[in-house]
Amino acid sequence: MSRREREARIHELLNQVQQQRLDLSAARRDWLDGTAHYDRGWLTFLSLRRYLAIGSSALAIWSIRSPNRILRWAKRGFGLWSTWRMIKSTLEPR
C-alpha cells in the first residue's frame, strides 16, 4: 500500500467518523426532544418528593383515626377517575 493510498484511506475514515458523529448528534437531539415531556414530569416529581412524604405521613395518621372516611374518598376518587377515562376515550378522535 503506497503512502498516497494510505492517506486517502485515512481521509476516508476520518470523513466516515465525522459523519457518524453528526448522525449521533442528530439522534441525541431527536431522543431528547422525544423524552422531554417525561423528563419534565420526573423533575416535577423530584421537586415535590418532600411534600409527598409529609402528605403521606399526615394521611397515614388521619387514616388510622378515621378509616371509613378514607375508604369513602378513595371510592369517590376512583369513580371520578373512571368517569374521566370513559369521557376521554369517548371524545378521542379515531
N, C-alpha and C. Protein backbone atom coordinates (compact mmCIF):
# COMPACT_ATOMS: atom_id res chain seq x y z
N MET A 1 0.85 -1.17 0.00
CA MET A 1 0.00 0.00 0.00
C MET A 1 0.90 1.24 0.00
N SER A 2 0.67 2.10 -0.94
CA SER A 2 1.53 3.28 -1.05
C SER A 2 1.10 4.35 -0.04
N ARG A 3 1.96 5.32 0.10
CA ARG A 3 1.69 6.41 1.03
C ARG A 3 0.43 7.18 0.62
N ARG A 4 0.25 7.39 -0.65
CA ARG A 4 -0.90 8.13 -1.16
C ARG A 4 -2.20 7.35 -0.88
N GLU A 5 -2.20 6.05 -1.07
CA GLU A 5 -3.37 5.22 -0.79
C GLU A 5 -3.70 5.22 0.70
N ARG A 6 -2.64 5.16 1.50
CA ARG A 6 -2.83 5.19 2.95
C ARG A 6 -3.45 6.50 3.40
N GLU A 7 -2.96 7.60 2.88
CA GLU A 7 -3.51 8.92 3.23
C GLU A 7 -4.96 9.05 2.75
N ALA A 8 -5.26 8.51 1.58
CA ALA A 8 -6.64 8.53 1.08
C ALA A 8 -7.55 7.71 1.98
N ARG A 9 -7.04 6.54 2.43
CA ARG A 9 -7.84 5.69 3.33
C ARG A 9 -8.07 6.39 4.66
N ILE A 10 -7.03 7.04 5.18
CA ILE A 10 -7.16 7.79 6.44
C ILE A 10 -8.17 8.91 6.28
N HIS A 11 -8.10 9.62 5.18
CA HIS A 11 -9.04 10.71 4.92
C HIS A 11 -10.48 10.17 4.82
N GLU A 12 -10.64 9.03 4.17
CA GLU A 12 -11.95 8.40 4.04
C GLU A 12 -12.50 7.99 5.41
N LEU A 13 -11.64 7.41 6.25
CA LEU A 13 -12.07 7.01 7.59
C LEU A 13 -12.42 8.21 8.47
N LEU A 14 -11.63 9.27 8.35
CA LEU A 14 -11.93 10.48 9.12
C LEU A 14 -13.27 11.09 8.69
N ASN A 15 -13.55 11.07 7.39
CA ASN A 15 -14.85 11.56 6.92
C ASN A 15 -15.99 10.69 7.44
N GLN A 16 -15.76 9.38 7.49
CA GLN A 16 -16.77 8.47 8.00
C GLN A 16 -17.03 8.71 9.49
N VAL A 17 -15.97 8.92 10.24
CA VAL A 17 -16.11 9.20 11.67
C VAL A 17 -16.86 10.51 11.88
N GLN A 18 -16.54 11.53 11.10
CA GLN A 18 -17.23 12.81 11.22
C GLN A 18 -18.72 12.66 10.92
N GLN A 19 -19.06 11.87 9.90
CA GLN A 19 -20.47 11.65 9.57
C GLN A 19 -21.18 10.90 10.68
N GLN A 20 -20.51 9.93 11.28
CA GLN A 20 -21.11 9.19 12.38
C GLN A 20 -21.34 10.10 13.58
N ARG A 21 -20.42 11.01 13.83
CA ARG A 21 -20.61 11.97 14.92
C ARG A 21 -21.81 12.87 14.66
N LEU A 22 -21.97 13.32 13.42
CA LEU A 22 -23.13 14.14 13.07
C LEU A 22 -24.43 13.34 13.23
N ASP A 23 -24.42 12.08 12.82
CA ASP A 23 -25.60 11.23 12.96
C ASP A 23 -25.95 11.03 14.44
N LEU A 24 -24.93 10.78 15.26
CA LEU A 24 -25.16 10.61 16.69
C LEU A 24 -25.71 11.88 17.33
N SER A 25 -25.21 13.01 16.92
CA SER A 25 -25.69 14.29 17.45
C SER A 25 -27.16 14.51 17.08
N ALA A 26 -27.52 14.19 15.84
CA ALA A 26 -28.91 14.34 15.42
C ALA A 26 -29.81 13.36 16.17
N ALA A 27 -29.35 12.12 16.37
CA ALA A 27 -30.14 11.13 17.10
C ALA A 27 -30.31 11.54 18.55
N ARG A 28 -29.27 12.12 19.15
CA ARG A 28 -29.35 12.60 20.53
C ARG A 28 -30.39 13.71 20.64
N ARG A 29 -30.36 14.63 19.71
CA ARG A 29 -31.33 15.73 19.71
C ARG A 29 -32.76 15.20 19.58
N ASP A 30 -32.96 14.24 18.67
CA ASP A 30 -34.28 13.66 18.50
C ASP A 30 -34.73 12.92 19.76
N TRP A 31 -33.80 12.21 20.39
CA TRP A 31 -34.11 11.48 21.61
C TRP A 31 -34.51 12.45 22.73
N LEU A 32 -33.75 13.52 22.88
CA LEU A 32 -34.06 14.49 23.94
C LEU A 32 -35.39 15.20 23.67
N ASP A 33 -35.68 15.47 22.41
CA ASP A 33 -36.97 16.07 22.07
C ASP A 33 -38.12 15.11 22.38
N GLY A 34 -37.91 13.84 22.11
CA GLY A 34 -38.96 12.85 22.34
C GLY A 34 -39.21 12.56 23.80
N THR A 35 -38.20 12.68 24.62
CA THR A 35 -38.34 12.35 26.04
C THR A 35 -38.44 13.59 26.94
N ALA A 36 -38.53 14.76 26.36
CA ALA A 36 -38.57 16.00 27.15
C ALA A 36 -39.77 16.02 28.09
N HIS A 37 -40.91 15.53 27.62
CA HIS A 37 -42.13 15.51 28.45
C HIS A 37 -41.92 14.66 29.70
N TYR A 38 -41.31 13.49 29.52
CA TYR A 38 -41.07 12.61 30.66
C TYR A 38 -40.02 13.20 31.61
N ASP A 39 -39.03 13.86 31.04
CA ASP A 39 -38.01 14.49 31.87
C ASP A 39 -38.61 15.58 32.75
N ARG A 40 -39.48 16.39 32.16
CA ARG A 40 -40.13 17.45 32.95
C ARG A 40 -41.00 16.85 34.06
N GLY A 41 -41.72 15.79 33.74
CA GLY A 41 -42.54 15.13 34.76
C GLY A 41 -41.71 14.56 35.88
N TRP A 42 -40.60 13.93 35.54
CA TRP A 42 -39.72 13.36 36.55
C TRP A 42 -39.13 14.45 37.44
N LEU A 43 -38.69 15.55 36.84
CA LEU A 43 -38.14 16.65 37.64
C LEU A 43 -39.20 17.26 38.54
N THR A 44 -40.44 17.35 38.05
CA THR A 44 -41.52 17.85 38.89
C THR A 44 -41.76 16.92 40.06
N PHE A 45 -41.77 15.62 39.79
CA PHE A 45 -41.95 14.64 40.86
C PHE A 45 -40.83 14.77 41.90
N LEU A 46 -39.59 14.91 41.44
CA LEU A 46 -38.48 15.03 42.38
C LEU A 46 -38.57 16.29 43.22
N SER A 47 -39.08 17.37 42.63
CA SER A 47 -39.20 18.61 43.40
C SER A 47 -40.34 18.53 44.42
N LEU A 48 -41.33 17.66 44.17
CA LEU A 48 -42.46 17.51 45.09
C LEU A 48 -42.27 16.38 46.09
N ARG A 49 -41.16 15.68 46.00
CA ARG A 49 -40.95 14.48 46.82
C ARG A 49 -41.06 14.77 48.32
N ARG A 50 -40.52 15.87 48.77
CA ARG A 50 -40.57 16.21 50.19
C ARG A 50 -42.01 16.42 50.64
N TYR A 51 -42.78 17.13 49.83
CA TYR A 51 -44.17 17.40 50.18
C TYR A 51 -45.01 16.13 50.14
N LEU A 52 -44.70 15.23 49.21
CA LEU A 52 -45.42 13.96 49.14
C LEU A 52 -45.14 13.12 50.38
N ALA A 53 -43.93 13.15 50.89
CA ALA A 53 -43.59 12.40 52.10
C ALA A 53 -44.35 12.96 53.30
N ILE A 54 -44.40 14.26 53.41
CA ILE A 54 -45.13 14.89 54.52
C ILE A 54 -46.62 14.58 54.39
N GLY A 55 -47.15 14.72 53.19
CA GLY A 55 -48.58 14.47 52.97
C GLY A 55 -48.96 13.02 53.22
N SER A 56 -48.11 12.09 52.80
CA SER A 56 -48.43 10.68 53.02
C SER A 56 -48.36 10.34 54.51
N SER A 57 -47.46 10.97 55.23
CA SER A 57 -47.40 10.74 56.68
C SER A 57 -48.66 11.26 57.36
N ALA A 58 -49.06 12.46 56.98
CA ALA A 58 -50.29 13.02 57.55
C ALA A 58 -51.50 12.18 57.18
N LEU A 59 -51.55 11.69 55.94
CA LEU A 59 -52.65 10.85 55.50
C LEU A 59 -52.67 9.53 56.27
N ALA A 60 -51.51 8.97 56.56
CA ALA A 60 -51.45 7.73 57.33
C ALA A 60 -52.00 7.92 58.73
N ILE A 61 -51.62 9.01 59.37
CA ILE A 61 -52.13 9.29 60.71
C ILE A 61 -53.63 9.52 60.66
N TRP A 62 -54.09 10.28 59.69
CA TRP A 62 -55.52 10.59 59.57
C TRP A 62 -56.32 9.33 59.26
N SER A 63 -55.75 8.43 58.44
CA SER A 63 -56.47 7.21 58.08
C SER A 63 -56.62 6.26 59.27
N ILE A 64 -55.69 6.30 60.20
CA ILE A 64 -55.81 5.49 61.41
C ILE A 64 -56.95 6.01 62.28
N ARG A 65 -57.10 7.31 62.31
CA ARG A 65 -58.14 7.92 63.15
C ARG A 65 -59.53 7.78 62.54
N SER A 66 -59.63 7.78 61.19
CA SER A 66 -60.96 7.66 60.57
C SER A 66 -60.85 6.86 59.27
N PRO A 67 -60.79 5.54 59.37
CA PRO A 67 -60.61 4.71 58.17
C PRO A 67 -61.81 4.73 57.22
N ASN A 68 -63.01 4.89 57.73
CA ASN A 68 -64.19 4.90 56.85
C ASN A 68 -64.18 6.11 55.92
N ARG A 69 -63.72 7.21 56.41
CA ARG A 69 -63.66 8.42 55.59
C ARG A 69 -62.69 8.23 54.42
N ILE A 70 -61.56 7.61 54.70
CA ILE A 70 -60.56 7.35 53.65
C ILE A 70 -61.15 6.44 52.57
N LEU A 71 -61.83 5.38 53.00
CA LEU A 71 -62.44 4.47 52.03
C LEU A 71 -63.48 5.18 51.17
N ARG A 72 -64.28 6.02 51.81
CA ARG A 72 -65.31 6.75 51.07
C ARG A 72 -64.67 7.67 50.02
N TRP A 73 -63.62 8.40 50.40
CA TRP A 73 -62.95 9.30 49.46
C TRP A 73 -62.20 8.52 48.38
N ALA A 74 -61.67 7.36 48.74
CA ALA A 74 -60.99 6.53 47.73
C ALA A 74 -61.98 6.05 46.68
N LYS A 75 -63.19 5.64 47.11
CA LYS A 75 -64.22 5.22 46.16
C LYS A 75 -64.64 6.37 45.26
N ARG A 76 -64.80 7.54 45.85
CA ARG A 76 -65.17 8.71 45.05
C ARG A 76 -64.07 9.05 44.03
N GLY A 77 -62.84 9.01 44.50
CA GLY A 77 -61.72 9.30 43.59
C GLY A 77 -61.63 8.30 42.46
N PHE A 78 -61.80 7.02 42.76
CA PHE A 78 -61.78 6.00 41.72
C PHE A 78 -62.94 6.19 40.75
N GLY A 79 -64.10 6.56 41.27
CA GLY A 79 -65.26 6.82 40.41
C GLY A 79 -65.01 8.00 39.48
N LEU A 80 -64.43 9.07 40.01
CA LEU A 80 -64.12 10.23 39.17
C LEU A 80 -63.08 9.89 38.12
N TRP A 81 -62.08 9.13 38.50
CA TRP A 81 -61.04 8.73 37.57
C TRP A 81 -61.62 7.86 36.45
N SER A 82 -62.48 6.92 36.81
CA SER A 82 -63.10 6.05 35.81
C SER A 82 -63.99 6.86 34.87
N THR A 83 -64.73 7.80 35.43
CA THR A 83 -65.58 8.66 34.60
C THR A 83 -64.74 9.48 33.64
N TRP A 84 -63.66 10.03 34.13
CA TRP A 84 -62.77 10.83 33.27
C TRP A 84 -62.20 9.99 32.14
N ARG A 85 -61.77 8.77 32.43
CA ARG A 85 -61.24 7.90 31.38
C ARG A 85 -62.30 7.56 30.35
N MET A 86 -63.54 7.33 30.80
CA MET A 86 -64.61 7.00 29.87
C MET A 86 -64.91 8.19 28.96
N ILE A 87 -65.00 9.39 29.55
CA ILE A 87 -65.27 10.59 28.75
C ILE A 87 -64.13 10.85 27.78
N LYS A 88 -62.92 10.71 28.25
CA LYS A 88 -61.75 10.94 27.40
C LYS A 88 -61.72 9.96 26.23
N SER A 89 -61.99 8.69 26.49
CA SER A 89 -61.97 7.71 25.41
C SER A 89 -63.13 7.92 24.42
N THR A 90 -64.24 8.44 24.92
CA THR A 90 -65.38 8.72 24.05
C THR A 90 -65.11 9.89 23.14
N LEU A 91 -64.44 10.91 23.64
CA LEU A 91 -64.20 12.13 22.87
C LEU A 91 -62.98 12.08 21.98
N GLU A 92 -62.11 11.07 22.17
CA GLU A 92 -60.91 10.99 21.34
C GLU A 92 -61.26 10.65 19.91
N PRO A 93 -60.69 11.40 18.95
CA PRO A 93 -60.93 11.04 17.54
C PRO A 93 -60.16 9.78 17.17
N ARG A 94 -60.77 8.95 16.37
CA ARG A 94 -60.10 7.71 15.95
C ARG A 94 -59.86 7.69 14.50
